[in-house]
Amino acid sequence: MKKIFIVIIALLLSIGFTGCGANVPRPEVKEGKFNITVNYEHNGEKKTVSGLYVCEYDGVIWYNVNEDPFVSWKENFEGDIQDGGIIPICNTDDGGKIFISLLMYPEYFMGDPEGADRIPIIRVELWYPDEQIDDVERIAELGVRLINYEYDHPIENTFK
């Protein structure tokens, strides 16, 4: 009787877990490279920085057991842009650091429906050890101004 009970429990558990796999559509295109160009002014001198934003499919993950799984992407930068999407500009006399930050979203560029509304944000920032400032006028007074930027359009991708 005990053996029958164990077999029934094992059978029920295996049937229950059969449907627990990640049923998340996978992208057809798994890697993309996107050009980025940023034009800015530093102390009256116009400068251009360019590079590539590289996105790569990284599988399906869960952050929490109670949440739905989703597609994960790896991202990095190539060229004049440091990883993390940072373009260092200068240090201020009072210990701050001015840089241009690129908040990019691989979901947006790779045509992932989960990130269609995540438009990239490119802005100039001033950082102190205990404070972050993105006041464009204040940073312009320190001689740094973002002129414009361009990046490639997202791809059209199919998820199956």
N, C-alpha and C. Protein backbone atom coordinates (compact mmCIF):
# COMPACT_ATOMS: atom_id res chain seq x y z
N MET A 1 0.82 -1.19 0.00
CA MET A 1 0.00 0.00 0.00
C MET A 1 0.87 1.26 0.00
N LYS A 2 1.95 1.20 0.78
CA LYS A 2 2.85 2.34 0.87
C LYS A 2 3.49 2.62 -0.50
N LYS A 3 3.86 1.55 -1.23
CA LYS A 3 4.48 1.72 -2.55
C LYS A 3 3.49 2.34 -3.54
N ILE A 4 2.24 1.93 -3.47
CA ILE A 4 1.22 2.49 -4.36
C ILE A 4 1.04 3.98 -4.07
N PHE A 5 1.02 4.32 -2.81
CA PHE A 5 0.87 5.73 -2.40
C PHE A 5 2.04 6.56 -2.94
N ILE A 6 3.26 6.07 -2.82
CA ILE A 6 4.45 6.78 -3.31
C ILE A 6 4.38 6.94 -4.83
N VAL A 7 3.97 5.89 -5.53
CA VAL A 7 3.86 5.95 -6.99
C VAL A 7 2.81 6.99 -7.40
N ILE A 8 1.68 7.01 -6.70
CA ILE A 8 0.62 7.98 -7.02
C ILE A 8 1.11 9.40 -6.78
N ILE A 9 1.78 9.64 -5.67
CA ILE A 9 2.32 10.98 -5.37
C ILE A 9 3.34 11.39 -6.43
N ALA A 10 4.25 10.48 -6.78
CA ALA A 10 5.26 10.78 -7.80
C ALA A 10 4.60 11.09 -9.14
N LEU A 11 3.58 10.34 -9.49
CA LEU A 11 2.86 10.55 -10.74
C LEU A 11 2.18 11.91 -10.75
N LEU A 12 1.51 12.24 -9.67
CA LEU A 12 0.83 13.54 -9.57
C LEU A 12 1.82 14.70 -9.64
N LEU A 13 2.94 14.56 -8.96
CA LEU A 13 3.95 15.62 -9.00
C LEU A 13 4.53 15.78 -10.40
N SER A 14 4.81 14.69 -11.08
CA SER A 14 5.39 14.79 -12.42
C SER A 14 4.39 15.40 -13.40
N ILE A 15 3.13 15.06 -13.27
CA ILE A 15 2.10 15.66 -14.13
C ILE A 15 1.97 17.15 -13.83
N GLY A 16 2.03 17.50 -12.57
CA GLY A 16 1.91 18.91 -12.18
C GLY A 16 3.04 19.76 -12.69
N PHE A 17 4.26 19.22 -12.70
CA PHE A 17 5.41 20.01 -13.14
C PHE A 17 5.59 20.02 -14.65
N THR A 18 4.90 19.17 -15.36
CA THR A 18 5.03 19.13 -16.81
C THR A 18 4.62 20.45 -17.43
N GLY A 19 3.61 21.08 -16.91
CA GLY A 19 3.13 22.34 -17.46
C GLY A 19 3.80 23.56 -16.88
N CYS A 20 4.83 23.38 -16.05
CA CYS A 20 5.46 24.52 -15.38
C CYS A 20 6.64 25.09 -16.14
N GLY A 21 6.93 24.60 -17.33
CA GLY A 21 8.05 25.13 -18.09
C GLY A 21 7.76 26.55 -18.56
N ALA A 22 8.81 27.28 -18.86
CA ALA A 22 8.66 28.66 -19.30
C ALA A 22 8.07 28.70 -20.70
N ASN A 23 6.85 29.16 -20.82
CA ASN A 23 6.19 29.26 -22.10
C ASN A 23 6.30 30.70 -22.59
N VAL A 24 7.54 31.15 -22.75
CA VAL A 24 7.81 32.52 -23.18
C VAL A 24 8.31 32.46 -24.61
N PRO A 25 7.71 33.22 -25.51
CA PRO A 25 8.18 33.21 -26.90
C PRO A 25 9.64 33.67 -26.99
N ARG A 26 10.43 32.96 -27.80
CA ARG A 26 11.84 33.29 -28.00
C ARG A 26 11.98 34.14 -29.26
N PRO A 27 12.97 35.06 -29.27
CA PRO A 27 13.14 35.91 -30.45
C PRO A 27 13.77 35.15 -31.61
N GLU A 28 13.33 35.50 -32.81
CA GLU A 28 13.93 34.91 -34.00
C GLU A 28 15.32 35.50 -34.21
N VAL A 29 15.44 36.84 -34.10
CA VAL A 29 16.74 37.51 -34.20
C VAL A 29 17.27 37.64 -32.78
N LYS A 30 18.45 37.07 -32.54
CA LYS A 30 18.96 36.98 -31.17
C LYS A 30 20.08 37.98 -30.86
N GLU A 31 20.58 38.69 -31.87
CA GLU A 31 21.65 39.65 -31.62
C GLU A 31 21.50 40.84 -32.56
N GLY A 32 21.85 42.02 -32.06
CA GLY A 32 21.79 43.22 -32.89
C GLY A 32 22.84 44.23 -32.46
N LYS A 33 23.33 45.00 -33.44
CA LYS A 33 24.28 46.08 -33.18
C LYS A 33 23.68 47.36 -33.74
N PHE A 34 23.71 48.41 -32.91
CA PHE A 34 23.04 49.65 -33.25
C PHE A 34 24.00 50.83 -33.09
N ASN A 35 24.10 51.65 -34.13
CA ASN A 35 24.97 52.82 -34.10
C ASN A 35 24.40 53.90 -33.21
N ILE A 36 25.28 54.57 -32.48
CA ILE A 36 24.90 55.70 -31.63
C ILE A 36 25.90 56.82 -31.90
N THR A 37 25.40 58.04 -32.08
CA THR A 37 26.25 59.21 -32.22
C THR A 37 25.73 60.29 -31.29
N VAL A 38 26.63 60.89 -30.52
CA VAL A 38 26.28 61.95 -29.57
C VAL A 38 27.14 63.16 -29.88
N ASN A 39 26.50 64.31 -30.08
CA ASN A 39 27.19 65.58 -30.30
C ASN A 39 26.98 66.47 -29.09
N TYR A 40 28.08 67.02 -28.58
CA TYR A 40 27.99 67.89 -27.42
C TYR A 40 29.02 69.01 -27.53
N GLU A 41 28.90 69.97 -26.65
CA GLU A 41 29.82 71.09 -26.60
C GLU A 41 30.47 71.13 -25.23
N HIS A 42 31.80 71.30 -25.22
CA HIS A 42 32.54 71.42 -23.96
C HIS A 42 33.44 72.64 -24.06
N ASN A 43 33.14 73.64 -23.23
CA ASN A 43 33.88 74.91 -23.23
C ASN A 43 33.97 75.52 -24.63
N GLY A 44 32.86 75.52 -25.35
CA GLY A 44 32.78 76.14 -26.67
C GLY A 44 33.25 75.26 -27.82
N GLU A 45 33.85 74.13 -27.54
CA GLU A 45 34.34 73.23 -28.58
C GLU A 45 33.33 72.12 -28.83
N LYS A 46 32.93 71.96 -30.09
CA LYS A 46 31.96 70.91 -30.44
C LYS A 46 32.69 69.58 -30.60
N LYS A 47 32.09 68.54 -30.03
CA LYS A 47 32.70 67.21 -30.07
C LYS A 47 31.65 66.17 -30.44
N THR A 48 32.13 65.08 -31.03
CA THR A 48 31.26 63.97 -31.42
C THR A 48 31.83 62.67 -30.88
N VAL A 49 30.97 61.87 -30.31
CA VAL A 49 31.34 60.54 -29.81
C VAL A 49 30.40 59.55 -30.48
N SER A 50 30.98 58.44 -30.93
CA SER A 50 30.13 57.42 -31.56
C SER A 50 30.55 56.03 -31.11
N GLY A 51 29.63 55.12 -31.23
CA GLY A 51 29.90 53.75 -30.84
C GLY A 51 28.75 52.84 -31.24
N LEU A 52 28.82 51.63 -30.77
CA LEU A 52 27.79 50.63 -31.04
C LEU A 52 27.16 50.19 -29.73
N TYR A 53 25.87 50.00 -29.79
CA TYR A 53 25.13 49.39 -28.68
C TYR A 53 24.83 47.96 -29.12
N VAL A 54 25.33 46.99 -28.38
CA VAL A 54 25.22 45.58 -28.75
C VAL A 54 24.25 44.88 -27.81
N CYS A 55 23.26 44.21 -28.39
CA CYS A 55 22.25 43.48 -27.62
C CYS A 55 22.31 42.01 -28.02
N GLU A 56 22.17 41.13 -27.01
CA GLU A 56 22.22 39.69 -27.28
C GLU A 56 21.22 38.96 -26.39
N TYR A 57 20.46 38.07 -26.99
CA TYR A 57 19.49 37.25 -26.27
C TYR A 57 20.22 36.45 -25.19
N ASP A 58 19.65 36.45 -23.97
CA ASP A 58 20.29 35.79 -22.83
C ASP A 58 19.40 34.74 -22.18
N GLY A 59 18.35 34.32 -22.86
CA GLY A 59 17.49 33.29 -22.31
C GLY A 59 16.24 33.84 -21.64
N VAL A 60 15.59 32.97 -20.90
CA VAL A 60 14.36 33.32 -20.18
C VAL A 60 14.66 33.23 -18.70
N ILE A 61 14.24 34.24 -17.94
CA ILE A 61 14.51 34.24 -16.50
C ILE A 61 13.27 34.61 -15.70
N TRP A 62 13.32 34.31 -14.43
CA TRP A 62 12.32 34.73 -13.46
C TRP A 62 13.04 35.56 -12.41
N TYR A 63 12.47 36.69 -12.01
CA TYR A 63 13.02 37.42 -10.87
C TYR A 63 12.45 36.87 -9.57
N ASN A 64 11.20 36.50 -9.60
CA ASN A 64 10.52 35.94 -8.44
C ASN A 64 9.75 34.71 -8.85
N VAL A 65 9.59 33.79 -7.94
CA VAL A 65 8.83 32.58 -8.21
C VAL A 65 7.39 32.92 -8.57
N ASN A 66 6.84 33.96 -7.96
CA ASN A 66 5.44 34.32 -8.17
C ASN A 66 5.19 35.16 -9.42
N GLU A 67 6.25 35.54 -10.13
CA GLU A 67 6.08 36.37 -11.32
C GLU A 67 6.23 35.54 -12.59
N ASP A 68 5.75 36.08 -13.68
CA ASP A 68 5.88 35.40 -14.96
C ASP A 68 7.32 35.52 -15.46
N PRO A 69 7.81 34.51 -16.16
CA PRO A 69 9.15 34.59 -16.75
C PRO A 69 9.14 35.57 -17.92
N PHE A 70 10.32 36.05 -18.29
CA PHE A 70 10.43 36.96 -19.42
C PHE A 70 11.77 36.79 -20.10
N VAL A 71 11.88 37.34 -21.30
CA VAL A 71 13.11 37.28 -22.09
C VAL A 71 14.14 38.20 -21.45
N SER A 72 15.36 37.70 -21.32
CA SER A 72 16.46 38.49 -20.77
C SER A 72 17.45 38.81 -21.90
N TRP A 73 18.04 40.00 -21.84
CA TRP A 73 18.99 40.44 -22.85
C TRP A 73 20.29 40.88 -22.19
N LYS A 74 21.42 40.57 -22.83
CA LYS A 74 22.71 41.12 -22.44
C LYS A 74 22.92 42.37 -23.28
N GLU A 75 23.66 43.32 -22.72
CA GLU A 75 23.94 44.54 -23.47
C GLU A 75 25.34 45.03 -23.14
N ASN A 76 26.00 45.63 -24.13
CA ASN A 76 27.27 46.30 -23.89
C ASN A 76 27.50 47.33 -24.98
N PHE A 77 28.52 48.14 -24.78
CA PHE A 77 28.84 49.21 -25.72
C PHE A 77 30.21 48.96 -26.32
N GLU A 78 30.39 49.35 -27.57
CA GLU A 78 31.68 49.28 -28.24
C GLU A 78 32.00 50.65 -28.80
N GLY A 79 33.27 50.98 -28.91
CA GLY A 79 33.67 52.27 -29.44
C GLY A 79 34.01 53.24 -28.33
N ASP A 80 33.65 54.51 -28.53
CA ASP A 80 34.00 55.57 -27.59
C ASP A 80 33.12 55.61 -26.35
N ILE A 81 32.12 54.77 -26.29
CA ILE A 81 31.18 54.78 -25.17
C ILE A 81 31.55 53.66 -24.21
N GLN A 82 31.73 54.01 -22.93
CA GLN A 82 32.11 53.00 -21.93
C GLN A 82 30.92 52.12 -21.59
N ASP A 83 31.23 50.90 -21.13
CA ASP A 83 30.15 50.03 -20.66
C ASP A 83 29.38 50.74 -19.56
N GLY A 84 28.12 50.51 -19.53
CA GLY A 84 27.25 51.24 -18.62
C GLY A 84 26.66 52.46 -19.31
N GLY A 85 27.07 52.73 -20.56
CA GLY A 85 26.53 53.85 -21.31
C GLY A 85 27.00 55.20 -20.81
N ILE A 86 28.28 55.31 -20.47
CA ILE A 86 28.83 56.54 -19.91
C ILE A 86 29.82 57.16 -20.89
N ILE A 87 29.68 58.47 -21.11
CA ILE A 87 30.65 59.25 -21.87
C ILE A 87 31.21 60.30 -20.91
N PRO A 88 32.42 60.09 -20.35
CA PRO A 88 32.97 61.07 -19.42
C PRO A 88 33.36 62.35 -20.16
N ILE A 89 33.03 63.50 -19.56
CA ILE A 89 33.34 64.79 -20.17
C ILE A 89 34.45 65.49 -19.41
N CYS A 90 34.23 65.77 -18.13
CA CYS A 90 35.23 66.50 -17.35
C CYS A 90 34.92 66.41 -15.86
N ASN A 91 35.88 66.86 -15.07
CA ASN A 91 35.69 67.02 -13.62
C ASN A 91 35.51 68.50 -13.33
N THR A 92 34.71 68.81 -12.33
CA THR A 92 34.51 70.21 -11.94
C THR A 92 35.50 70.58 -10.84
N ASP A 93 35.67 71.88 -10.62
CA ASP A 93 36.60 72.36 -9.59
C ASP A 93 36.17 71.96 -8.19
N ASP A 94 34.88 71.71 -8.00
CA ASP A 94 34.38 71.37 -6.66
C ASP A 94 34.20 69.86 -6.45
N GLY A 95 34.84 69.05 -7.28
CA GLY A 95 34.82 67.60 -7.06
C GLY A 95 33.74 66.83 -7.79
N GLY A 96 32.98 67.49 -8.62
CA GLY A 96 31.95 66.81 -9.39
C GLY A 96 32.49 66.22 -10.68
N LYS A 97 31.71 65.36 -11.29
CA LYS A 97 32.07 64.76 -12.58
C LYS A 97 30.91 64.96 -13.53
N ILE A 98 31.21 65.48 -14.70
CA ILE A 98 30.18 65.68 -15.72
C ILE A 98 30.36 64.60 -16.79
N PHE A 99 29.26 63.99 -17.14
CA PHE A 99 29.29 62.97 -18.19
C PHE A 99 27.93 62.92 -18.88
N ILE A 100 27.92 62.26 -20.01
CA ILE A 100 26.66 62.02 -20.72
C ILE A 100 26.31 60.56 -20.46
N SER A 101 25.08 60.33 -20.02
CA SER A 101 24.64 58.95 -19.76
C SER A 101 23.64 58.53 -20.83
N LEU A 102 23.78 57.30 -21.25
CA LEU A 102 22.89 56.71 -22.24
C LEU A 102 22.10 55.61 -21.56
N LEU A 103 20.83 55.85 -21.33
CA LEU A 103 19.96 54.84 -20.74
C LEU A 103 19.27 54.12 -21.90
N MET A 104 19.85 52.99 -22.27
CA MET A 104 19.38 52.25 -23.42
C MET A 104 18.65 50.99 -22.95
N TYR A 105 17.75 50.51 -23.77
CA TYR A 105 16.95 49.34 -23.41
C TYR A 105 17.02 48.31 -24.53
N PRO A 106 17.64 47.16 -24.28
CA PRO A 106 17.75 46.16 -25.35
C PRO A 106 16.39 45.68 -25.85
N GLU A 107 15.38 45.65 -24.96
CA GLU A 107 14.04 45.23 -25.38
C GLU A 107 13.51 46.14 -26.50
N TYR A 108 13.76 47.44 -26.36
CA TYR A 108 13.32 48.41 -27.37
C TYR A 108 14.01 48.13 -28.71
N PHE A 109 15.34 48.03 -28.69
CA PHE A 109 16.10 47.87 -29.93
C PHE A 109 15.88 46.52 -30.60
N MET A 110 15.65 45.48 -29.81
CA MET A 110 15.51 44.13 -30.36
C MET A 110 14.06 43.78 -30.71
N GLY A 111 13.17 44.76 -30.68
CA GLY A 111 11.79 44.52 -31.10
C GLY A 111 11.00 43.66 -30.15
N ASP A 112 11.41 43.63 -28.88
CA ASP A 112 10.70 42.84 -27.87
C ASP A 112 9.44 43.60 -27.47
N PRO A 113 8.26 42.99 -27.61
CA PRO A 113 7.02 43.69 -27.28
C PRO A 113 6.97 44.16 -25.82
N GLU A 114 7.74 43.51 -24.94
CA GLU A 114 7.76 43.91 -23.53
C GLU A 114 8.45 45.26 -23.33
N GLY A 115 9.22 45.72 -24.31
CA GLY A 115 9.95 46.97 -24.13
C GLY A 115 9.66 48.00 -25.20
N ALA A 116 8.57 47.83 -25.92
CA ALA A 116 8.26 48.74 -27.02
C ALA A 116 8.12 50.19 -26.58
N ASP A 117 7.70 50.42 -25.34
CA ASP A 117 7.50 51.79 -24.86
C ASP A 117 8.70 52.33 -24.08
N ARG A 118 9.79 51.59 -24.03
CA ARG A 118 10.99 52.03 -23.30
C ARG A 118 11.91 52.79 -24.25
N ILE A 119 11.62 54.04 -24.46
CA ILE A 119 12.41 54.87 -25.36
C ILE A 119 13.74 55.22 -24.68
N PRO A 120 14.87 55.12 -25.40
CA PRO A 120 16.16 55.47 -24.81
C PRO A 120 16.19 56.92 -24.32
N ILE A 121 16.96 57.14 -23.26
CA ILE A 121 17.13 58.48 -22.69
C ILE A 121 18.61 58.80 -22.71
N ILE A 122 18.96 59.92 -23.32
CA ILE A 122 20.35 60.37 -23.36
C ILE A 122 20.38 61.76 -22.76
N ARG A 123 21.20 61.93 -21.72
CA ARG A 123 21.22 63.22 -21.03
C ARG A 123 22.59 63.48 -20.43
N VAL A 124 22.85 64.77 -20.16
CA VAL A 124 24.08 65.17 -19.50
C VAL A 124 23.81 65.23 -18.00
N GLU A 125 24.78 64.76 -17.20
CA GLU A 125 24.59 64.69 -15.76
C GLU A 125 25.83 65.18 -15.03
N LEU A 126 25.61 65.67 -13.83
CA LEU A 126 26.68 66.11 -12.94
C LEU A 126 26.57 65.28 -11.67
N TRP A 127 27.64 64.59 -11.34
CA TRP A 127 27.62 63.71 -10.17
C TRP A 127 28.61 64.20 -9.12
N TYR A 128 28.14 64.21 -7.90
CA TYR A 128 28.99 64.40 -6.71
C TYR A 128 28.88 63.11 -5.91
N PRO A 129 29.78 62.90 -4.95
CA PRO A 129 29.69 61.65 -4.17
C PRO A 129 28.33 61.42 -3.51
N ASP A 130 27.62 62.48 -3.17
CA ASP A 130 26.35 62.31 -2.46
C ASP A 130 25.15 62.90 -3.20
N GLU A 131 25.33 63.26 -4.47
CA GLU A 131 24.25 63.94 -5.19
C GLU A 131 24.39 63.74 -6.70
N GLN A 132 23.26 63.59 -7.38
CA GLN A 132 23.22 63.50 -8.83
C GLN A 132 22.36 64.65 -9.34
N ILE A 133 22.89 65.41 -10.31
CA ILE A 133 22.17 66.58 -10.82
C ILE A 133 22.02 66.42 -12.33
N ASP A 134 20.80 66.59 -12.83
CA ASP A 134 20.60 66.58 -14.28
C ASP A 134 19.96 67.89 -14.75
N ASP A 135 20.27 68.97 -14.05
CA ASP A 135 19.79 70.31 -14.38
C ASP A 135 20.61 70.83 -15.57
N VAL A 136 20.00 70.85 -16.74
CA VAL A 136 20.68 71.20 -17.98
C VAL A 136 21.28 72.61 -17.91
N GLU A 137 20.54 73.56 -17.35
CA GLU A 137 21.03 74.94 -17.27
C GLU A 137 22.25 75.05 -16.36
N ARG A 138 22.21 74.40 -15.23
CA ARG A 138 23.34 74.45 -14.30
C ARG A 138 24.59 73.81 -14.92
N ILE A 139 24.40 72.71 -15.62
CA ILE A 139 25.54 72.04 -16.26
C ILE A 139 26.07 72.88 -17.42
N ALA A 140 25.18 73.57 -18.14
CA ALA A 140 25.62 74.46 -19.23
C ALA A 140 26.47 75.60 -18.68
N GLU A 141 26.16 76.09 -17.48
CA GLU A 141 26.98 77.13 -16.85
C GLU A 141 28.40 76.64 -16.59
N LEU A 142 28.56 75.33 -16.47
CA LEU A 142 29.89 74.73 -16.26
C LEU A 142 30.58 74.40 -17.59
N GLY A 143 29.95 74.78 -18.71
CA GLY A 143 30.59 74.65 -20.01
C GLY A 143 30.26 73.39 -20.80
N VAL A 144 29.25 72.64 -20.38
CA VAL A 144 28.90 71.41 -21.10
C VAL A 144 27.44 71.46 -21.53
N ARG A 145 27.22 71.17 -22.82
CA ARG A 145 25.87 71.21 -23.36
C ARG A 145 25.70 70.07 -24.37
N LEU A 146 24.63 69.32 -24.22
CA LEU A 146 24.28 68.26 -25.16
C LEU A 146 23.62 68.92 -26.37
N ILE A 147 24.18 68.71 -27.55
CA ILE A 147 23.63 69.33 -28.77
C ILE A 147 22.55 68.43 -29.36
N ASN A 148 22.91 67.20 -29.71
CA ASN A 148 21.93 66.25 -30.23
C ASN A 148 22.51 64.84 -30.20
N TYR A 149 21.68 63.89 -30.56
CA TYR A 149 22.11 62.50 -30.62
C TYR A 149 21.26 61.76 -31.62
N GLU A 150 21.81 60.68 -32.13
CA GLU A 150 21.10 59.82 -33.07
C GLU A 150 21.43 58.37 -32.74
N TYR A 151 20.46 57.51 -32.95
CA TYR A 151 20.70 56.08 -32.81
C TYR A 151 19.83 55.36 -33.82
N ASP A 152 20.27 54.15 -34.18
CA ASP A 152 19.53 53.35 -35.16
C ASP A 152 18.14 53.01 -34.64
N HIS A 153 17.24 52.80 -35.58
CA HIS A 153 15.88 52.37 -35.24
C HIS A 153 15.90 50.93 -34.73
N PRO A 154 14.91 50.56 -33.93
CA PRO A 154 14.84 49.17 -33.48
C PRO A 154 14.54 48.24 -34.66
N ILE A 155 14.92 46.99 -34.50
CA ILE A 155 14.63 46.00 -35.55
C ILE A 155 13.20 45.51 -35.39
N GLU A 156 12.70 44.90 -36.46
CA GLU A 156 11.43 44.19 -36.36
C GLU A 156 11.78 42.74 -36.08
N ASN A 157 11.30 42.22 -34.99
CA ASN A 157 11.65 40.87 -34.57
C ASN A 157 10.38 40.05 -34.40
N THR A 158 10.50 38.76 -34.55
CA THR A 158 9.39 37.84 -34.36
C THR A 158 9.70 36.98 -33.14
N PHE A 159 8.71 36.81 -32.30
CA PHE A 159 8.88 35.99 -31.10
C PHE A 159 7.97 34.77 -31.22
N LYS A 160 8.58 33.57 -31.16
CA LYS A 160 7.81 32.32 -31.31
C LYS A 160 8.05 31.42 -30.12
